Amino acid sequence: MKNEKGPVFAPTRREMLIGSGKLAAGAAVVGVGASAFINNANATSGPKPTPWGYVKLDPAKVAQSAYDNWYKHYCCYAVAEAIIAPLREKVGGPYQNLPVEAFIFGHGGTVGFGTLCGTLMGAGVATSFALGRKDGEAVLRDMMAYYSEADMPIFKPNNPKAQIKNTNISESPLCHISVGKWMKKEGVALKSAERKDRCARVAADIAYQTVVLMNKVADGTYEGETGSPSAEYGITAQENCTECHGDNVPEPLMPKA
């Protein structure tokens, strides 16, 4: 047979039988492969639920790591990675596949919006994976209170990137308040080397204290001290609303009698 595009040859019966045999064999291979893939998929139980496990860490080593990490990807990453990195080595398992870079967004109170300090978000990431919801949230509530009440920074880095003079008590877990108060006291701008080093040291402080509390959980001696403000006030809240709101604190809608 021949057409304008060139010769076309009709296959012989033998070629058709051989071809159909190849097709059948190929289909069988595909079928086996698909079956194996499905079986393997079914064999996995999906993401491992928390908690993933925790072993006691050295707070001082974690603090120095958090300080160094801040200069890589800032506050949220700094604290989370400082705690999770040693757990990759000591616990392994799902920690091996947890990309903490996914939490970089927490910097500057969430991409620079000055809300919850990224160090506390990083602590929450670490405690949630390691301890699960109950103990993780209890530790984080205590850390929220600690951050608001502690005179920071406390940490003294081995090789400070800058020299700072002042500490301050934020009286708030918010980045905007904490950083703003300290900047005013120190007399420096946001992009100054001093402000950066202050935040790196605060990351170390929060990582250190978080590990102290997590170690108590591991020892079975931890007792949370901070309750949920929303349970007390009937609205999501913090103890120091007036740092931001003044006379404009939102009032909860009270149920009718």
C-alpha atoms as a PDB file:
ATOM      1  CA  MET A   1       0.000   0.000   0.000  1.00  0.00           C
ATOM      2  CA  LYS A   2       1.169   3.483  -0.717  1.00  0.00           C
ATOM      3  CA  ASN A   3      -0.120   6.990  -0.123  1.00  0.00           C
ATOM      4  CA  GLU A   4       1.117  10.521  -0.606  1.00  0.00           C
ATOM      5  CA  LYS A   5       2.960  10.517   2.733  1.00  0.00           C
ATOM      6  CA  GLY A   6       4.947   7.382   1.979  1.00  0.00           C
ATOM      7  CA  PRO A   7       4.560   3.621   2.087  1.00  0.00           C
ATOM      8  CA  VAL A   8       2.265   2.022   4.660  1.00  0.00           C
ATOM      9  CA  PHE A   9       2.753  -1.681   5.409  1.00  0.00           C
ATOM     10  CA  ALA A  10      -0.015  -3.882   6.775  1.00  0.00           C
ATOM     11  CA  PRO A  11       1.239  -6.080   9.646  1.00  0.00           C
ATOM     12  CA  THR A  12       1.255  -9.837   9.139  1.00  0.00           C
ATOM     13  CA  ARG A  13      -0.795 -12.151  11.396  1.00  0.00           C
ATOM     14  CA  ARG A  14       2.425 -13.256  13.113  1.00  0.00           C
ATOM     15  CA  GLU A  15       3.371  -9.618  13.845  1.00  0.00           C
ATOM     16  CA  MET A  16      -0.097  -8.915  15.180  1.00  0.00           C
ATOM     17  CA  LEU A  17       0.090 -11.881  17.559  1.00  0.00           C
ATOM     18  CA  ILE A  18       3.559 -10.885  18.752  1.00  0.00           C
ATOM     19  CA  GLY A  19       2.399  -7.288  19.197  1.00  0.00           C
ATOM     20  CA  SER A  20      -0.656  -8.313  21.151  1.00  0.00           C
ATOM     21  CA  GLY A  21       1.567 -10.469  23.331  1.00  0.00           C
ATOM     22  CA  LYS A  22       3.825  -7.502  24.073  1.00  0.00           C
ATOM     23  CA  LEU A  23       0.790  -5.380  24.839  1.00  0.00           C
ATOM     24  CA  ALA A  24      -0.545  -7.981  27.240  1.00  0.00           C
ATOM     25  CA  ALA A  25       2.836  -8.312  28.916  1.00  0.00           C
ATOM     26  CA  GLY A  26       3.107  -4.534  29.220  1.00  0.00           C
ATOM     27  CA  ALA A  27      -0.331  -4.308  30.725  1.00  0.00           C
ATOM     28  CA  ALA A  28       0.608  -6.983  33.231  1.00  0.00           C
ATOM     29  CA  VAL A  29       3.731  -5.065  34.248  1.00  0.00           C
ATOM     30  CA  VAL A  30       1.758  -1.864  34.611  1.00  0.00           C
ATOM     31  CA  GLY A  31      -0.866  -3.728  36.601  1.00  0.00           C
ATOM     32  CA  VAL A  32       1.696  -5.216  38.963  1.00  0.00           C
ATOM     33  CA  GLY A  33       3.426  -1.861  39.346  1.00  0.00           C
ATOM     34  CA  ALA A  34       0.191  -0.051  40.097  1.00  0.00           C
ATOM     35  CA  SER A  35      -0.841  -2.775  42.528  1.00  0.00           C
ATOM     36  CA  ALA A  36       2.500  -2.529  44.324  1.00  0.00           C
ATOM     37  CA  PHE A  37       2.202   1.252  44.452  1.00  0.00           C
ATOM     38  CA  ILE A  38      -1.311   1.062  45.894  1.00  0.00           C
ATOM     39  CA  ASN A  39      -0.306  -1.594  48.399  1.00  0.00           C
ATOM     40  CA  ASN A  40       2.704   0.454  49.484  1.00  0.00           C
ATOM     41  CA  ALA A  41       0.524   3.519  49.845  1.00  0.00           C
ATOM     42  CA  ASN A  42      -1.965   1.569  51.915  1.00  0.00           C
ATOM     43  CA  ALA A  43       0.847   0.172  54.034  1.00  0.00           C
ATOM     44  CA  THR A  44       1.766   3.649  55.236  1.00  0.00           C
ATOM     45  CA  SER A  45      -0.366   5.172  57.932  1.00  0.00           C
ATOM     46  CA  GLY A  46       0.055   8.745  56.726  1.00  0.00           C
ATOM     47  CA  PRO A  47       1.553  11.545  58.810  1.00  0.00           C
ATOM     48  CA  LYS A  48       2.547  10.457  62.284  1.00  0.00           C
ATOM     49  CA  PRO A  49       0.278  12.088  64.887  1.00  0.00           C
ATOM     50  CA  THR A  50       1.854  14.122  67.642  1.00  0.00           C
ATOM     51  CA  PRO A  51       3.520  13.911  70.031  1.00  0.00           C
ATOM     52  CA  TRP A  52       6.623  12.728  68.214  1.00  0.00           C
ATOM     53  CA  GLY A  53       8.615  12.312  71.403  1.00  0.00           C
ATOM     54  CA  TYR A  54      11.096  14.269  73.440  1.00  0.00           C
ATOM     55  CA  VAL A  55      14.359  13.598  75.231  1.00  0.00           C
ATOM     56  CA  LYS A  56      15.985  16.066  77.585  1.00  0.00           C
ATOM     57  CA  LEU A  57      18.190  18.691  75.948  1.00  0.00           C
ATOM     58  CA  ASP A  58      20.892  21.003  77.243  1.00  0.00           C
ATOM     59  CA  PRO A  59      19.250  24.452  77.593  1.00  0.00           C
ATOM     60  CA  ALA A  60      22.573  26.292  77.238  1.00  0.00           C
ATOM     61  CA  LYS A  61      23.439  24.565  73.955  1.00  0.00           C
ATOM     62  CA  VAL A  62      19.948  25.154  72.621  1.00  0.00           C
ATOM     63  CA  ALA A  63      20.179  28.838  73.576  1.00  0.00           C
ATOM     64  CA  GLN A  64      23.440  29.348  71.692  1.00  0.00           C
ATOM     65  CA  SER A  65      21.979  27.548  68.695  1.00  0.00           C
ATOM     66  CA  ALA A  66      18.907  29.799  68.745  1.00  0.00           C
ATOM     67  CA  TYR A  67      21.136  32.877  68.828  1.00  0.00           C
ATOM     68  CA  ASP A  68      23.096  31.642  65.815  1.00  0.00           C
ATOM     69  CA  ASN A  69      19.922  30.570  63.993  1.00  0.00           C
ATOM     70  CA  TRP A  70      18.414  34.037  64.322  1.00  0.00           C
ATOM     71  CA  TYR A  71      21.047  35.344  61.932  1.00  0.00           C
ATOM     72  CA  LYS A  72      19.985  32.710  59.391  1.00  0.00           C
ATOM     73  CA  HIS A  73      16.185  33.079  59.310  1.00  0.00           C
ATOM     74  CA  TYR A  74      15.169  35.196  62.330  1.00  0.00           C
ATOM     75  CA  CYS A  75      13.125  34.556  65.444  1.00  0.00           C
ATOM     76  CA  CYS A  76      10.490  31.890  64.773  1.00  0.00           C
ATOM     77  CA  TYR A  77      12.901  29.665  62.880  1.00  0.00           C
ATOM     78  CA  ALA A  78      15.644  30.331  65.435  1.00  0.00           C
ATOM     79  CA  VAL A  79      13.756  28.839  68.376  1.00  0.00           C
ATOM     80  CA  ALA A  80      12.025  26.012  66.505  1.00  0.00           C
ATOM     81  CA  GLU A  81      15.187  24.795  64.781  1.00  0.00           C
ATOM     82  CA  ALA A  82      17.304  25.082  67.935  1.00  0.00           C
ATOM     83  CA  ILE A  83      14.997  22.593  69.662  1.00  0.00           C
ATOM     84  CA  ILE A  84      14.062  20.357  66.737  1.00  0.00           C
ATOM     85  CA  ALA A  85      17.574  19.930  65.289  1.00  0.00           C
ATOM     86  CA  PRO A  86      18.902  17.948  68.284  1.00  0.00           C
ATOM     87  CA  LEU A  87      15.661  15.955  68.354  1.00  0.00           C
ATOM     88  CA  ARG A  88      16.382  14.857  64.764  1.00  0.00           C
ATOM     89  CA  GLU A  89      19.563  13.275  66.090  1.00  0.00           C
ATOM     90  CA  LYS A  90      18.279  11.952  69.415  1.00  0.00           C
ATOM     91  CA  VAL A  91      14.747  10.865  68.472  1.00  0.00           C
ATOM     92  CA  GLY A  92      14.829  10.659  64.663  1.00  0.00           C
ATOM     93  CA  GLY A  93      11.648   9.375  63.052  1.00  0.00           C
ATOM     94  CA  PRO A  94       9.354  12.068  61.636  1.00  0.00           C
ATOM     95  CA  TYR A  95      11.666  14.831  62.848  1.00  0.00           C
ATOM     96  CA  GLN A  96      13.963  13.832  59.988  1.00  0.00           C
ATOM     97  CA  ASN A  97      11.395  15.082  57.485  1.00  0.00           C
ATOM     98  CA  LEU A  98      10.279  18.282  59.198  1.00  0.00           C
ATOM     99  CA  PRO A  99      11.472  21.338  57.233  1.00  0.00           C
ATOM    100  CA  VAL A 100      11.562  24.054  59.877  1.00  0.00           C
ATOM    101  CA  GLU A 101      12.185  26.585  57.093  1.00  0.00           C
ATOM    102  CA  ALA A 102       8.417  26.426  56.581  1.00  0.00           C
ATOM    103  CA  PHE A 103       8.029  28.487  59.762  1.00  0.00           C
ATOM    104  CA  ILE A 104      10.275  31.376  58.767  1.00  0.00           C
ATOM    105  CA  PHE A 105       7.119  33.412  58.157  1.00  0.00           C
ATOM    106  CA  GLY A 106       6.852  34.039  61.920  1.00  0.00           C
ATOM    107  CA  HIS A 107       9.605  36.643  61.801  1.00  0.00           C
ATOM    108  CA  GLY A 108       8.761  40.127  62.995  1.00  0.00           C
ATOM    109  CA  GLY A 109       5.499  39.050  64.615  1.00  0.00           C
ATOM    110  CA  THR A 110       4.385  37.275  61.387  1.00  0.00           C
ATOM    111  CA  VAL A 111       6.011  38.685  58.265  1.00  0.00           C
ATOM    112  CA  GLY A 112       6.729  41.969  60.012  1.00  0.00           C
ATOM    113  CA  PHE A 113       3.195  42.711  61.259  1.00  0.00           C
ATOM    114  CA  GLY A 114       4.287  42.953  64.893  1.00  0.00           C
ATOM    115  CA  THR A 115       1.776  40.485  66.352  1.00  0.00           C
ATOM    116  CA  LEU A 116       2.839  37.509  68.512  1.00  0.00           C
ATOM    117  CA  CYS A 117       6.625  37.440  68.853  1.00  0.00           C
ATOM    118  CA  GLY A 118       8.110  34.878  66.493  1.00  0.00           C
ATOM    119  CA  THR A 119      10.145  33.343  69.306  1.00  0.00           C
ATOM    120  CA  LEU A 120       6.896  32.237  70.952  1.00  0.00           C
ATOM    121  CA  MET A 121       5.601  30.859  67.666  1.00  0.00           C
ATOM    122  CA  GLY A 122       8.824  28.896  67.323  1.00  0.00           C
ATOM    123  CA  ALA A 123       8.428  27.577  70.857  1.00  0.00           C
ATOM    124  CA  GLY A 124       4.870  26.557  70.008  1.00  0.00           C
ATOM    125  CA  VAL A 125       6.019  24.673  66.914  1.00  0.00           C
ATOM    126  CA  ALA A 126       8.600  22.737  68.938  1.00  0.00           C
ATOM    127  CA  THR A 127       6.357  21.965  71.906  1.00  0.00           C
ATOM    128  CA  SER A 128       3.453  20.906  69.692  1.00  0.00           C
ATOM    129  CA  PHE A 129       5.483  18.347  67.770  1.00  0.00           C
ATOM    130  CA  ALA A 130       7.463  17.104  70.758  1.00  0.00           C
ATOM    131  CA  LEU A 131       4.852  17.102  73.528  1.00  0.00           C
ATOM    132  CA  GLY A 132       1.483  17.103  71.792  1.00  0.00           C
ATOM    133  CA  ARG A 133      -1.410  19.425  72.441  1.00  0.00           C
ATOM    134  CA  LYS A 134      -2.010  19.065  76.184  1.00  0.00           C
ATOM    135  CA  ASP A 135       1.548  19.438  77.490  1.00  0.00           C
ATOM    136  CA  GLY A 136       2.628  21.538  74.523  1.00  0.00           C
ATOM    137  CA  GLU A 137      -0.030  24.168  75.128  1.00  0.00           C
ATOM    138  CA  ALA A 138       0.601  24.172  78.876  1.00  0.00           C
ATOM    139  CA  VAL A 139       4.277  24.901  78.302  1.00  0.00           C
ATOM    140  CA  LEU A 140       3.468  27.565  75.713  1.00  0.00           C
ATOM    141  CA  ARG A 141       1.049  29.340  78.065  1.00  0.00           C
ATOM    142  CA  ASP A 142       3.811  29.521  80.661  1.00  0.00           C
ATOM    143  CA  MET A 143       6.201  30.808  77.993  1.00  0.00           C
ATOM    144  CA  MET A 144       3.726  33.526  76.979  1.00  0.00           C
ATOM    145  CA  ALA A 145       3.695  34.698  80.590  1.00  0.00           C
ATOM    146  CA  TYR A 146       7.469  34.384  80.914  1.00  0.00           C
ATOM    147  CA  TYR A 147       8.069  36.453  77.794  1.00  0.00           C
ATOM    148  CA  SER A 148       5.808  39.204  79.104  1.00  0.00           C
ATOM    149  CA  GLU A 149       7.317  39.299  82.596  1.00  0.00           C
ATOM    150  CA  ALA A 150      11.043  38.570  82.136  1.00  0.00           C
ATOM    151  CA  ASP A 151      13.646  41.330  81.948  1.00  0.00           C
ATOM    152  CA  MET A 152      15.295  40.389  78.654  1.00  0.00           C
ATOM    153  CA  PRO A 153      17.637  39.794  77.027  1.00  0.00           C
ATOM    154  CA  ILE A 154      19.400  37.657  79.615  1.00  0.00           C
ATOM    155  CA  PHE A 155      21.548  35.509  77.301  1.00  0.00           C
ATOM    156  CA  LYS A 156      25.206  36.397  76.822  1.00  0.00           C
ATOM    157  CA  PRO A 157      26.381  35.077  73.418  1.00  0.00           C
ATOM    158  CA  ASN A 158      29.839  33.604  72.981  1.00  0.00           C
ATOM    159  CA  ASN A 159      30.551  35.970  70.105  1.00  0.00           C
ATOM    160  CA  PRO A 160      28.039  38.831  70.106  1.00  0.00           C
ATOM    161  CA  LYS A 161      27.401  40.548  66.797  1.00  0.00           C
ATOM    162  CA  ALA A 162      26.820  43.850  68.598  1.00  0.00           C
ATOM    163  CA  GLN A 163      27.028  45.383  72.061  1.00  0.00           C
ATOM    164  CA  ILE A 164      23.779  46.402  73.733  1.00  0.00           C
ATOM    165  CA  LYS A 165      23.192  48.356  76.929  1.00  0.00           C
ATOM    166  CA  ASN A 166      19.597  47.782  77.952  1.00  0.00           C
ATOM    167  CA  THR A 167      17.097  45.122  78.888  1.00  0.00           C
ATOM    168  CA  ASN A 168      13.362  45.617  79.252  1.00  0.00           C
ATOM    169  CA  ILE A 169      10.178  43.977  80.482  1.00  0.00           C
ATOM    170  CA  SER A 170       7.740  43.947  77.594  1.00  0.00           C
ATOM    171  CA  GLU A 171       4.545  43.370  79.623  1.00  0.00           C
ATOM    172  CA  SER A 172       3.192  41.935  76.372  1.00  0.00           C
ATOM    173  CA  PRO A 173       3.826  38.917  74.123  1.00  0.00           C
ATOM    174  CA  LEU A 174       3.529  41.154  71.058  1.00  0.00           C
ATOM    175  CA  CYS A 175       6.564  41.855  68.897  1.00  0.00           C
ATOM    176  CA  HIS A 176       5.502  45.450  68.261  1.00  0.00           C
ATOM    177  CA  ILE A 177       5.375  46.300  71.974  1.00  0.00           C
ATOM    178  CA  SER A 178       8.408  44.304  73.032  1.00  0.00           C
ATOM    179  CA  VAL A 179      10.717  45.531  70.281  1.00  0.00           C
ATOM    180  CA  GLY A 180       9.302  49.058  70.315  1.00  0.00           C
ATOM    181  CA  LYS A 181       9.871  49.553  74.039  1.00  0.00           C
ATOM    182  CA  TRP A 182      13.415  48.245  73.828  1.00  0.00           C
ATOM    183  CA  MET A 183      14.300  50.340  70.762  1.00  0.00           C
ATOM    184  CA  LYS A 184      13.123  53.481  72.542  1.00  0.00           C
ATOM    185  CA  LYS A 185      15.109  52.607  75.646  1.00  0.00           C
ATOM    186  CA  GLU A 186      18.244  51.742  73.696  1.00  0.00           C
ATOM    187  CA  GLY A 187      17.819  54.668  71.297  1.00  0.00           C
ATOM    188  CA  VAL A 188      18.322  52.639  68.125  1.00  0.00           C
ATOM    189  CA  ALA A 189      16.455  51.982  64.884  1.00  0.00           C
ATOM    190  CA  LEU A 190      14.831  48.769  63.697  1.00  0.00           C
ATOM    191  CA  LYS A 191      17.584  47.893  61.228  1.00  0.00           C
ATOM    192  CA  SER A 192      20.428  48.642  63.627  1.00  0.00           C
ATOM    193  CA  ALA A 193      22.933  45.954  64.559  1.00  0.00           C
ATOM    194  CA  GLU A 194      21.971  46.460  68.201  1.00  0.00           C
ATOM    195  CA  ARG A 195      18.279  45.774  67.619  1.00  0.00           C
ATOM    196  CA  LYS A 196      19.092  42.656  65.614  1.00  0.00           C
ATOM    197  CA  ASP A 197      21.365  41.322  68.311  1.00  0.00           C
ATOM    198  CA  ARG A 198      18.800  42.064  70.984  1.00  0.00           C
ATOM    199  CA  CYS A 199      16.222  39.946  69.153  1.00  0.00           C
ATOM    200  CA  ALA A 200      18.746  37.156  68.600  1.00  0.00           C
ATOM    201  CA  ARG A 201      19.452  37.123  72.343  1.00  0.00           C
ATOM    202  CA  VAL A 202      15.733  37.064  73.156  1.00  0.00           C
ATOM    203  CA  ALA A 203      15.408  34.060  70.842  1.00  0.00           C
ATOM    204  CA  ALA A 204      18.097  32.387  72.938  1.00  0.00           C
ATOM    205  CA  ASP A 205      16.264  33.291  76.153  1.00  0.00           C
ATOM    206  CA  ILE A 206      12.981  31.807  74.936  1.00  0.00           C
ATOM    207  CA  ALA A 207      14.628  28.674  73.573  1.00  0.00           C
ATOM    208  CA  TYR A 208      16.477  28.198  76.889  1.00  0.00           C
ATOM    209  CA  GLN A 209      13.398  28.565  79.089  1.00  0.00           C
ATOM    210  CA  THR A 210      11.244  26.447  76.789  1.00  0.00           C
ATOM    211  CA  VAL A 211      13.730  23.581  77.090  1.00  0.00           C
ATOM    212  CA  VAL A 212      13.840  24.019  80.865  1.00  0.00           C
ATOM    213  CA  LEU A 213      10.080  23.444  80.989  1.00  0.00           C
ATOM    214  CA  MET A 214      10.156  20.630  78.432  1.00  0.00           C
ATOM    215  CA  ASN A 215      12.820  18.885  80.510  1.00  0.00           C
ATOM    216  CA  LYS A 216      10.470  19.065  83.488  1.00  0.00           C
ATOM    217  CA  VAL A 217       7.771  17.418  81.388  1.00  0.00           C
ATOM    218  CA  ALA A 218      10.249  14.648  80.544  1.00  0.00           C
ATOM    219  CA  ASP A 219      11.054  14.241  84.248  1.00  0.00           C
ATOM    220  CA  GLY A 220       7.382  14.146  85.191  1.00  0.00           C
ATOM    221  CA  THR A 221       7.795  17.173  87.460  1.00  0.00           C
ATOM    222  CA  TYR A 222       6.166  19.859  85.321  1.00  0.00           C
ATOM    223  CA  GLU A 223       3.107  21.692  86.588  1.00  0.00           C
ATOM    224  CA  GLY A 224       1.748  24.451  84.402  1.00  0.00           C
ATOM    225  CA  GLU A 225       1.201  27.754  86.164  1.00  0.00           C
ATOM    226  CA  THR A 226      -0.597  29.832  83.531  1.00  0.00           C
ATOM    227  CA  GLY A 227      -4.264  29.388  82.732  1.00  0.00           C
ATOM    228  CA  SER A 228      -6.122  30.411  79.600  1.00  0.00           C
ATOM    229  CA  PRO A 229      -7.190  34.093  79.711  1.00  0.00           C
ATOM    230  CA  SER A 230     -10.150  33.364  77.451  1.00  0.00           C
ATOM    231  CA  ALA A 231     -11.616  31.067  80.116  1.00  0.00           C
ATOM    232  CA  GLU A 232     -11.390  33.874  82.663  1.00  0.00           C
ATOM    233  CA  TYR A 233     -12.574  36.814  80.562  1.00  0.00           C
ATOM    234  CA  GLY A 234     -14.982  35.183  78.138  1.00  0.00           C
ATOM    235  CA  ILE A 235     -13.010  36.485  75.173  1.00  0.00           C
ATOM    236  CA  THR A 236      -9.650  35.678  73.655  1.00  0.00           C
ATOM    237  CA  ALA A 237      -7.378  37.977  75.608  1.00  0.00           C
ATOM    238  CA  GLN A 238      -4.145  38.630  77.434  1.00  0.00           C
ATOM    239  CA  GLU A 239      -3.500  40.114  80.840  1.00  0.00           C
ATOM    240  CA  ASN A 240      -1.997  43.312  79.451  1.00  0.00           C
ATOM    241  CA  CYS A 241      -4.461  44.609  76.859  1.00  0.00           C
ATOM    242  CA  THR A 242      -3.893  48.236  77.833  1.00  0.00           C
ATOM    243  CA  GLU A 243      -0.372  48.121  76.391  1.00  0.00           C
ATOM    244  CA  CYS A 244      -2.096  48.480  73.020  1.00  0.00           C
ATOM    245  CA  HIS A 245      -5.726  49.371  73.506  1.00  0.00           C
ATOM    246  CA  GLY A 246      -5.936  51.921  76.299  1.00  0.00           C
ATOM    247  CA  ASP A 247      -9.625  52.627  76.761  1.00  0.00           C
ATOM    248  CA  ASN A 248     -10.570  50.687  73.618  1.00  0.00           C
ATOM    249  CA  VAL A 249     -10.356  47.133  74.959  1.00  0.00           C
ATOM    250  CA  PRO A 250     -13.077  45.042  73.211  1.00  0.00           C
ATOM    251  CA  GLU A 251     -15.805  43.925  75.581  1.00  0.00           C
ATOM    252  CA  PRO A 252     -17.244  40.421  75.260  1.00  0.00           C
ATOM    253  CA  LEU A 253     -20.947  40.065  74.553  1.00  0.00           C
ATOM    254  CA  MET A 254     -22.353  38.861  77.851  1.00  0.00           C
ATOM    255  CA  PRO A 255     -25.094  36.209  77.760  1.00  0.00           C
ATOM    256  CA  LYS A 256     -28.583  37.419  78.627  1.00  0.00           C
ATOM    257  CA  ALA A 257     -29.822  36.634  82.106  1.00  0.00           C
END
